[in-house]
Protein backbone atom coordinates (compact mmCIF):
# COMPACT_ATOMS: atom_id res chain seq x y z
CA MET A 1 7.55 -163.18 160.43
CA THR A 2 11.24 -163.45 161.18
CA SER A 3 12.98 -166.05 159.03
CA ARG A 4 15.03 -168.78 160.66
CA LEU A 5 18.54 -167.45 161.20
CA THR A 6 21.84 -169.13 161.96
CA GLU A 7 23.46 -168.29 165.28
CA PRO A 8 26.74 -166.41 164.71
CA SER A 9 29.83 -168.48 165.34
CA VAL A 10 32.52 -167.45 167.80
CA SER A 11 36.10 -168.24 166.93
CA PRO A 12 37.56 -171.14 168.96
CA LEU A 13 40.29 -170.59 171.55
CA GLY A 14 42.63 -173.36 170.43
CA ASP A 15 45.48 -170.93 169.68
CA ALA A 16 45.22 -169.01 172.96
CA ALA A 17 47.97 -169.16 175.57
CA LYS A 18 47.62 -171.96 178.08
CA PRO A 19 48.62 -172.65 181.69
CA PRO A 20 51.79 -174.61 182.43
CA VAL A 21 51.39 -178.37 182.69
CA ALA A 22 51.96 -180.00 186.09
CA ASP A 23 51.56 -183.48 187.51
CA ARG A 24 48.45 -184.31 189.55
CA ALA A 25 50.17 -183.76 192.94
CA ALA A 26 51.49 -180.30 192.03
CA PHE A 27 48.14 -179.33 190.52
CA GLN A 28 46.29 -180.43 193.67
CA ALA A 29 48.71 -178.59 195.94
CA GLU A 30 48.07 -175.30 194.12
CA LEU A 31 44.34 -175.96 194.12
CA ASP A 32 44.37 -176.64 197.87
CA ARG A 33 46.00 -173.26 198.48
CA LEU A 34 43.33 -171.61 196.36
CA ARG A 35 40.58 -173.57 198.11
CA ALA A 36 41.44 -171.94 201.42
CA ARG A 37 40.82 -168.53 199.84
CA GLU A 38 37.61 -169.77 198.22
CA LYS A 39 36.30 -170.97 201.57
CA ALA A 40 37.16 -167.62 203.17
CA HIS A 41 35.32 -165.89 200.35
CA THR A 42 32.28 -168.11 200.92
CA ARG A 43 32.29 -167.40 204.66
CA GLU A 44 32.53 -163.65 203.98
CA GLY A 45 29.57 -163.97 201.63
CA ASP A 46 27.62 -165.67 204.41
CA ALA A 47 28.55 -162.86 206.80
CA ILE A 48 27.41 -160.23 204.29
CA ALA A 49 24.12 -162.09 203.81
CA ALA A 50 23.64 -162.05 207.59
CA VAL A 51 23.98 -158.25 207.59
CA ARG A 52 21.59 -158.06 204.64
CA ARG A 53 18.97 -159.93 206.67
CA ARG A 54 19.27 -157.29 209.40
CA LEU A 55 18.72 -154.23 207.21
CA PRO A 56 15.79 -151.95 208.02
CA MET A 57 12.96 -151.80 205.50
CA VAL A 58 10.99 -149.04 203.83
CA LYS A 59 7.23 -148.94 203.28
CA VAL A 60 5.94 -149.15 199.70
CA ASP A 61 2.39 -148.45 198.56
CA PRO A 62 0.88 -151.95 198.21
CA GLN A 63 -1.71 -150.66 195.76
CA THR A 64 0.85 -149.30 193.30
CA PRO A 65 -0.72 -150.18 189.94
CA LEU A 66 1.04 -152.40 187.41
CA ILE A 67 -0.19 -153.82 184.12
CA GLY A 68 -0.50 -157.56 183.58
CA ALA A 69 -2.12 -159.82 181.03
CA ASP A 70 -5.58 -159.06 182.41
CA GLY A 71 -5.04 -155.33 182.88
CA PRO A 72 -4.21 -153.28 186.00
CA VAL A 73 -3.04 -155.20 189.06
CA PRO A 74 -1.78 -153.84 192.41
CA LEU A 75 1.75 -154.56 193.58
CA ILE A 76 0.55 -156.67 196.50
CA ASP A 77 -1.07 -159.16 194.11
CA LEU A 78 2.37 -160.04 192.68
CA PHE A 79 3.11 -161.84 195.94
CA ALA A 80 0.47 -164.43 194.91
CA GLY A 81 -0.29 -165.01 198.58
CA ARG A 82 3.35 -165.47 199.57
CA SER A 83 5.16 -163.33 202.12
CA GLN A 84 8.13 -162.28 199.96
CA LEU A 85 8.67 -161.05 196.42
CA ILE A 86 11.77 -160.64 194.27
CA ALA A 87 11.28 -158.25 191.36
CA TYR A 88 13.65 -157.55 188.50
CA TYR A 89 13.10 -154.17 186.84
CA HIS A 90 13.74 -154.78 183.15
CA MET A 91 14.88 -151.80 181.07
CA TRP A 92 12.82 -151.18 177.97
CA HIS A 93 13.36 -149.13 174.81
CA SER A 94 9.83 -148.35 173.68
CA GLY A 95 9.20 -148.62 169.97
CA ARG A 96 12.53 -150.31 169.23
CA PRO A 97 12.82 -153.82 167.74
CA ALA A 98 13.81 -156.85 169.77
CA ALA A 99 17.43 -156.65 168.59
CA GLU A 100 17.75 -153.24 170.28
CA GLN A 101 16.29 -154.17 173.63
CA CYS A 102 18.55 -154.14 176.70
CA GLU A 103 21.26 -156.77 176.32
CA GLY A 104 22.14 -156.69 180.03
CA CYS A 105 18.58 -157.17 181.22
CA THR A 106 18.11 -159.91 178.64
CA PHE A 107 21.27 -161.60 179.93
CA SER A 108 20.04 -161.51 183.53
CA THR A 109 16.42 -162.43 182.87
CA SER A 110 17.26 -165.32 180.55
CA HIS A 111 18.82 -167.23 183.44
CA VAL A 112 15.77 -167.24 185.71
CA THR A 113 13.58 -170.09 184.53
CA GLU A 114 12.76 -172.26 187.57
CA LEU A 115 10.79 -170.73 190.44
CA ALA A 116 9.87 -173.86 192.43
CA TYR A 117 12.78 -173.43 194.85
CA LEU A 118 11.85 -169.80 195.51
CA HIS A 119 8.22 -170.76 195.99
CA SER A 120 9.26 -173.44 198.49
CA ARG A 121 10.72 -170.62 200.62
CA ASP A 122 7.53 -168.55 200.39
CA VAL A 123 9.06 -166.23 197.76
CA SER A 124 7.42 -165.08 194.53
CA TYR A 125 9.29 -163.67 191.54
CA ALA A 126 8.28 -161.27 188.78
CA VAL A 127 9.79 -159.14 186.02
CA LEU A 128 8.62 -155.52 185.90
CA ALA A 129 9.30 -153.94 182.52
CA ALA A 130 9.54 -150.23 181.88
CA GLY A 131 7.73 -150.31 178.53
CA PRO A 132 4.16 -150.79 177.35
CA TYR A 133 2.76 -154.18 178.29
CA GLU A 134 1.88 -155.02 174.67
CA GLU A 135 5.52 -154.70 173.55
CA ALA A 136 7.11 -156.20 176.65
CA SER A 137 4.80 -159.22 176.66
CA ARG A 138 5.62 -159.97 173.02
CA TYR A 139 9.30 -159.88 173.95
CA ARG A 140 8.61 -162.25 176.83
CA ASP A 141 6.84 -164.62 174.45
CA PHE A 142 9.64 -164.42 171.87
CA MET A 143 12.26 -165.18 174.51
CA GLY A 144 10.10 -167.91 176.07
CA TYR A 145 10.40 -166.57 179.58
CA PRO A 146 8.24 -168.64 181.95
CA VAL A 147 8.19 -166.14 184.85
CA PRO A 148 5.41 -163.60 185.49
CA TRP A 149 5.82 -160.30 183.60
CA TYR A 150 4.23 -156.93 184.27
CA SER A 151 4.59 -153.42 182.93
CA VAL A 152 5.18 -150.40 185.15
CA PRO A 153 3.00 -147.46 184.03
CA GLN A 154 4.63 -144.05 184.20
CA ASP A 155 2.65 -142.90 187.23
CA SER A 156 3.97 -145.90 189.20
CA VAL A 157 7.65 -145.49 188.28
CA ASP A 158 8.41 -142.88 190.94
CA ARG A 159 6.75 -144.92 193.67
CA LEU A 160 8.81 -148.02 192.93
CA ILE A 161 12.04 -146.74 191.41
CA ALA A 162 12.37 -143.81 193.84
CA GLY A 163 15.16 -141.94 192.06
CA ARG A 164 16.99 -145.07 190.92
CA HIS A 165 16.73 -146.63 187.46
CA PHE A 166 15.46 -149.75 185.74
CA GLY A 167 17.93 -152.62 185.77
CA ILE A 168 17.64 -153.16 189.53
CA LEU A 169 16.85 -156.29 191.52
CA ALA A 170 14.61 -155.57 194.52
CA CYS A 171 13.21 -157.64 197.39
CA TYR A 172 9.94 -157.05 199.21
CA LEU A 173 8.19 -158.34 202.32
CA ARG A 174 4.42 -158.49 202.75
CA ASP A 175 3.00 -158.07 206.24
CA GLY A 176 -0.75 -158.48 205.98
CA ASP A 177 -1.93 -155.73 203.63
CA GLN A 178 1.33 -153.79 203.88
CA VAL A 179 4.41 -154.06 201.61
CA PHE A 180 8.00 -153.15 202.45
CA GLU A 181 11.16 -153.01 200.36
CA THR A 182 13.96 -154.86 202.17
CA TYR A 183 16.88 -154.79 199.70
CA TRP A 184 17.91 -153.72 196.22
CA THR A 185 21.00 -153.92 194.04
CA THR A 186 22.11 -153.24 190.49
CA GLY A 187 25.17 -153.49 188.23
CA ARG A 188 27.31 -156.42 189.25
CA GLY A 189 24.95 -157.08 192.13
CA ASN A 190 22.59 -158.51 189.52
CA GLU A 191 25.11 -161.26 188.75
CA ALA A 192 23.33 -163.32 191.42
CA MET A 193 20.72 -163.93 188.70
CA ALA A 194 23.19 -165.28 186.15
CA PRO A 195 25.01 -168.55 186.91
CA SER A 196 26.77 -168.35 183.52
CA TYR A 197 29.21 -165.87 185.03
CA GLY A 198 29.82 -168.03 188.08
CA LEU A 199 30.59 -170.96 185.82
CA LEU A 200 32.84 -168.93 183.52
CA ASP A 201 34.79 -167.68 186.56
CA ARG A 202 35.79 -171.29 187.18
CA THR A 203 37.18 -171.87 183.70
CA VAL A 204 40.79 -171.22 182.73
CA TYR A 205 39.92 -168.26 180.47
CA GLY A 206 37.25 -166.77 182.74
CA ARG A 207 34.74 -164.35 181.26
CA GLN A 208 37.20 -163.30 178.55
CA GLU A 209 36.43 -159.64 179.32
CA ASP A 210 39.02 -156.90 179.06
CA TRP A 211 38.87 -155.81 182.71
CA GLU A 212 39.87 -159.21 184.11
CA ASP A 213 43.27 -159.84 185.67
CA SER A 214 44.45 -162.64 183.40
CA PRO A 215 47.93 -163.85 182.34
CA GLU A 216 49.60 -162.49 179.22
CA GLY A 217 48.15 -164.06 176.09
CA TRP A 218 44.79 -164.97 177.67
CA PRO A 219 41.82 -164.18 175.41
CA GLN A 220 39.93 -161.02 176.34
CA ARG A 221 37.46 -160.67 173.50
CA TRP A 222 34.69 -158.81 175.25
CA GLY A 223 34.37 -155.33 176.72
CA SER A 224 32.30 -154.31 179.72
CA LYS A 225 29.94 -151.69 178.25
CA GLY A 226 27.21 -154.04 177.03
CA GLY A 227 28.98 -155.77 174.17
CA GLN A 228 29.78 -158.70 176.44
CA PHE A 229 26.07 -159.58 176.30
CA GLN A 230 25.75 -159.37 172.51
CA LEU A 231 26.56 -161.40 169.42
CA ASP A 232 26.43 -159.75 166.01
CA GLY A 233 24.59 -156.68 167.27
CA ARG A 234 21.79 -158.20 169.31
CA PRO A 235 21.43 -159.80 172.78
CA THR A 236 23.16 -163.18 172.69
CA ALA A 237 20.21 -165.11 174.14
CA GLN A 238 18.04 -164.06 171.19
CA TRP A 239 20.00 -166.13 168.69
CA PRO A 240 18.79 -169.60 169.79
CA ARG A 241 15.21 -168.30 169.60
CA LEU A 242 15.73 -167.02 166.07
CA GLN A 243 17.45 -170.25 165.09
CA ALA A 244 14.38 -172.10 166.32
CA GLY A 245 12.23 -169.97 164.02
CA ARG A 246 10.56 -167.77 166.63
CA ASP A 247 9.13 -164.41 165.57
CA ASP A 248 10.83 -161.39 167.18
CA ASP A 249 8.29 -158.86 165.85
CA LEU A 250 7.21 -156.66 168.79
CA GLY A 251 4.49 -154.93 166.80
CA PRO A 252 4.23 -151.59 164.99
CA LEU A 253 6.34 -148.65 166.09
CA PRO A 254 4.47 -145.75 167.74
CA GLY A 255 2.87 -143.53 165.14
CA VAL A 256 3.27 -146.07 162.33
């Protein structure tokens, strides 16, 4: 049983450089100029989404077996009767403790907690983990994820991943008893899952990551190789769970 731990503190930004001070009129004038660019960016996003809706699709074996709480289940059952499915392919490090599981996938998955709006558009959602169901499901329980979780057995990986890698977000369409993949993305494309980044982008110091174009003296305390999703050596979202006294034991290591 993991003992209750204190979430690591992050140093405050009170001493960081700050923007110049302006009166309300000057501030609003600058913001209005920026707003024109923001609206153009939004319209371009709409145009890209329109192209996305016109992509061709590729057939996927609807009977591809996955592992759920009750054992094997075919891919088509993940639709739960709906016509569309969004699946996030969660990386997994088999036999490693919770602290060493993928910080990026934990970051993305931790944001998806309400599915009612997707369901209202005839869309189901599921996480497909690369590791054994017994380990992955214990991680799901530790993190308190409310969304459906499944494990992808090795003989199904090639059918679904098709030369790519775990850590992708994929969309599917069901047409009767057939299933088609209609879109996939990875890397920064997965940021659609994580509103924390969208909110941080609207703050004066942004994401505080070292690749950002920020003024001299702005805090850039995080890298971009995974550390931006960690605090004190483990995925950041794990700390509130540990602080609440949850057990992060994923079970015995293989061969132990």
